[in-house]
Amino acid sequence: MEIHVERATTAHLPRILERWAELMQAHQAVDEALFATAVHAPGTYQAFVRQQMDKRSGLVLVAPAPDGDLRGYLLGGVGQRGPTFALRDVGMVFDLVVRPADRRHGVARALVQAAMATFRARGLDLMQVNFAPDNPEAAGFWTNFGFRPLLCEAYLALDEAP
């Protein structure tokens, strides 16, 4: 299967929102309360994606399917680490979503390689992703790519605190 990756346009927004809804469902299966979305979430996410399309530091890539749908998309941009660090600017992947029928066919790899090339062209030396270590599919994908887990996010419901 040949995978074509291109920069997203506003015409891709409806399909990006469909893939995002799939991502949210997967996250909610992990932790329903933590990943519950607000009523305005689809519109807010659409505005954020559109903002990333328009920003020089933003990055929205899509892998279109021949049927007009999207095999997947990657949402990212240039982020900054804290002001005390020598290496501040990093390429960040916010979301990487591939529709289930297209998984394990190189779609995610093609999107990430295109993001890496874009970040390198922007003079960046480091790329950051977040993934759930308890998600073997995501953990395997990112670590096989060479990413190494460094920090862990942890949550505690305060009404359950000691």
Protein backbone atom coordinates (compact mmCIF):
# COMPACT_ATOMS: atom_id res chain seq x y z
CA MET A 1 0.00 0.00 0.00
CA GLU A 2 1.41 3.36 -1.00
CA ILE A 3 1.00 6.00 1.69
CA HIS A 4 0.76 9.61 0.61
CA VAL A 5 1.22 12.25 3.33
CA GLU A 6 0.38 15.92 2.86
CA ARG A 7 -0.28 19.04 4.89
CA ALA A 8 -3.88 19.25 5.99
CA THR A 9 -6.26 21.86 4.63
CA THR A 10 -9.59 23.05 5.96
CA ALA A 11 -11.24 20.52 3.62
CA HIS A 12 -9.75 17.76 5.80
CA LEU A 13 -11.24 19.12 9.05
CA PRO A 14 -14.46 17.03 9.05
CA ARG A 15 -12.48 13.80 8.61
CA ILE A 16 -9.90 14.87 11.19
CA LEU A 17 -12.75 15.37 13.67
CA GLU A 18 -14.04 11.86 12.88
CA ARG A 19 -10.61 10.35 13.60
CA TRP A 20 -10.33 12.51 16.76
CA ALA A 21 -13.68 11.14 18.00
CA GLU A 22 -12.25 7.63 17.58
CA LEU A 23 -9.20 8.67 19.60
CA MET A 24 -11.38 10.08 22.37
CA GLN A 25 -13.39 6.83 22.51
CA ALA A 26 -10.15 4.87 22.91
CA HIS A 27 -8.96 7.20 25.66
CA GLN A 28 -12.31 7.00 27.45
CA ALA A 29 -12.05 3.21 27.43
CA VAL A 30 -8.86 3.64 29.49
CA ASP A 31 -10.28 6.19 31.94
CA GLU A 32 -13.82 7.39 31.36
CA ALA A 33 -13.75 10.18 33.93
CA LEU A 34 -10.35 11.61 33.03
CA PHE A 35 -11.06 11.65 29.30
CA ALA A 36 -14.70 12.73 29.41
CA THR A 37 -15.12 15.54 26.92
CA ALA A 38 -17.02 18.78 27.38
CA VAL A 39 -20.04 19.57 25.22
CA HIS A 40 -17.99 22.11 23.28
CA ALA A 41 -15.04 19.72 22.73
CA PRO A 42 -15.51 19.05 18.99
CA GLY A 43 -15.71 22.77 18.16
CA THR A 44 -12.81 23.60 20.47
CA TYR A 45 -10.66 20.84 18.97
CA GLN A 46 -11.54 21.95 15.44
CA ALA A 47 -10.50 25.51 16.30
CA PHE A 48 -7.22 24.22 17.78
CA VAL A 49 -6.47 22.15 14.67
CA ARG A 50 -7.28 25.14 12.47
CA GLN A 51 -4.98 27.30 14.61
CA GLN A 52 -2.16 24.78 14.15
CA MET A 53 -2.75 24.83 10.38
CA ASP A 54 -2.39 28.61 10.36
CA LYS A 55 0.58 28.93 12.73
CA ARG A 56 4.10 28.77 11.35
CA SER A 57 5.02 26.59 14.32
CA GLY A 58 2.04 24.25 13.85
CA LEU A 59 1.97 20.99 11.96
CA VAL A 60 -1.08 19.08 10.73
CA LEU A 61 -0.41 16.19 8.38
CA VAL A 62 -2.90 13.80 6.81
CA ALA A 63 -2.71 10.49 4.98
CA PRO A 64 -5.68 10.58 2.60
CA ALA A 65 -7.32 7.35 1.46
CA PRO A 66 -8.40 6.79 -2.16
CA ASP A 67 -12.05 6.76 -1.03
CA GLY A 68 -11.79 10.38 0.20
CA ASP A 69 -11.59 9.41 3.86
CA LEU A 70 -8.46 9.86 5.96
CA ARG A 71 -6.29 6.88 6.81
CA GLY A 72 -4.89 9.00 9.61
CA TYR A 73 -3.54 12.33 10.75
CA LEU A 74 -0.83 13.79 12.93
CA LEU A 75 -1.27 16.99 14.89
CA GLY A 76 1.82 18.64 16.28
CA GLY A 77 3.90 21.74 16.45
CA VAL A 78 6.94 23.38 17.91
CA GLY A 79 6.83 23.50 21.67
CA GLN A 80 9.16 24.92 24.27
CA ARG A 81 10.63 23.31 27.31
CA GLY A 82 11.14 25.37 30.46
CA PRO A 83 13.24 28.54 30.37
CA THR A 84 16.03 26.96 32.42
CA PHE A 85 16.93 24.37 29.78
CA ALA A 86 19.59 24.91 27.11
CA LEU A 87 17.58 22.84 24.60
CA ARG A 88 14.22 24.62 24.54
CA ASP A 89 12.51 24.17 21.17
CA VAL A 90 11.21 20.68 20.42
CA GLY A 91 8.95 19.14 17.82
CA MET A 92 5.87 17.85 19.59
CA VAL A 93 3.28 15.33 18.50
CA PHE A 94 -0.03 16.10 20.16
CA ASP A 95 -2.15 13.47 18.40
CA LEU A 96 -1.46 10.60 16.01
CA VAL A 97 -4.54 8.72 14.87
CA VAL A 98 -4.93 5.98 12.26
CA ARG A 99 -8.28 4.44 11.44
CA PRO A 100 -8.44 0.81 12.56
CA ALA A 101 -8.62 -0.66 9.04
CA ASP A 102 -5.33 1.05 8.14
CA ARG A 103 -3.31 0.10 11.21
CA ARG A 104 -0.16 -1.97 10.74
CA HIS A 105 0.15 -0.84 7.12
CA GLY A 106 2.75 1.92 7.60
CA VAL A 107 0.36 4.87 7.87
CA ALA A 108 1.51 6.00 11.32
CA ARG A 109 5.16 5.47 10.34
CA ALA A 110 4.71 7.61 7.21
CA LEU A 111 3.05 10.39 9.20
CA VAL A 112 5.77 10.37 11.86
CA GLN A 113 8.57 10.30 9.29
CA ALA A 114 7.01 13.30 7.54
CA ALA A 115 6.76 15.12 10.90
CA MET A 116 10.41 14.31 11.65
CA ALA A 117 11.47 15.68 8.28
CA THR A 118 9.47 18.86 8.87
CA PHE A 119 10.91 19.37 12.35
CA ARG A 120 14.46 18.77 11.07
CA ALA A 121 13.87 21.30 8.28
CA ARG A 122 12.83 23.78 10.97
CA GLY A 123 16.19 23.25 12.69
CA LEU A 124 14.90 21.20 15.60
CA ASP A 125 17.02 18.48 17.22
CA LEU A 126 14.46 16.81 19.47
CA MET A 127 10.96 15.40 19.12
CA GLN A 128 8.58 14.66 21.99
CA VAL A 129 5.55 12.39 22.15
CA ASN A 130 3.24 11.27 24.94
CA PHE A 131 1.78 7.79 25.12
CA ALA A 132 0.27 5.54 27.75
CA PRO A 133 2.84 2.94 28.79
CA ASP A 134 -0.07 0.57 29.55
CA ASN A 135 -1.12 0.76 25.88
CA PRO A 136 1.08 -1.94 24.33
CA GLU A 137 0.26 -0.90 20.75
CA ALA A 138 1.28 2.74 21.32
CA ALA A 139 4.24 1.90 23.56
CA GLY A 140 5.53 -0.62 21.03
CA PHE A 141 5.13 1.78 18.11
CA TRP A 142 6.95 4.67 19.74
CA THR A 143 9.73 2.63 21.34
CA ASN A 144 10.33 0.73 18.07
CA PHE A 145 10.76 4.14 16.49
CA GLY A 146 13.50 4.88 19.02
CA PHE A 147 11.60 7.04 21.51
CA ARG A 148 12.42 6.25 25.11
CA PRO A 149 10.06 6.94 27.98
CA LEU A 150 11.48 9.58 30.29
CA LEU A 151 8.74 11.02 32.52
CA CYS A 152 5.41 9.65 33.67
CA GLU A 153 2.19 11.59 34.27
CA ALA A 154 0.26 10.43 37.31
CA TYR A 155 -3.20 11.36 38.55
CA LEU A 156 -4.97 10.99 41.86
CA ALA A 157 -8.63 11.71 42.55
CA LEU A 158 -8.42 14.01 45.55
CA ASP A 159 -11.48 12.50 47.16
CA GLU A 160 -9.51 9.22 47.25
CA ALA A 161 -6.35 10.80 48.68
CA PRO A 162 -5.05 9.58 52.04
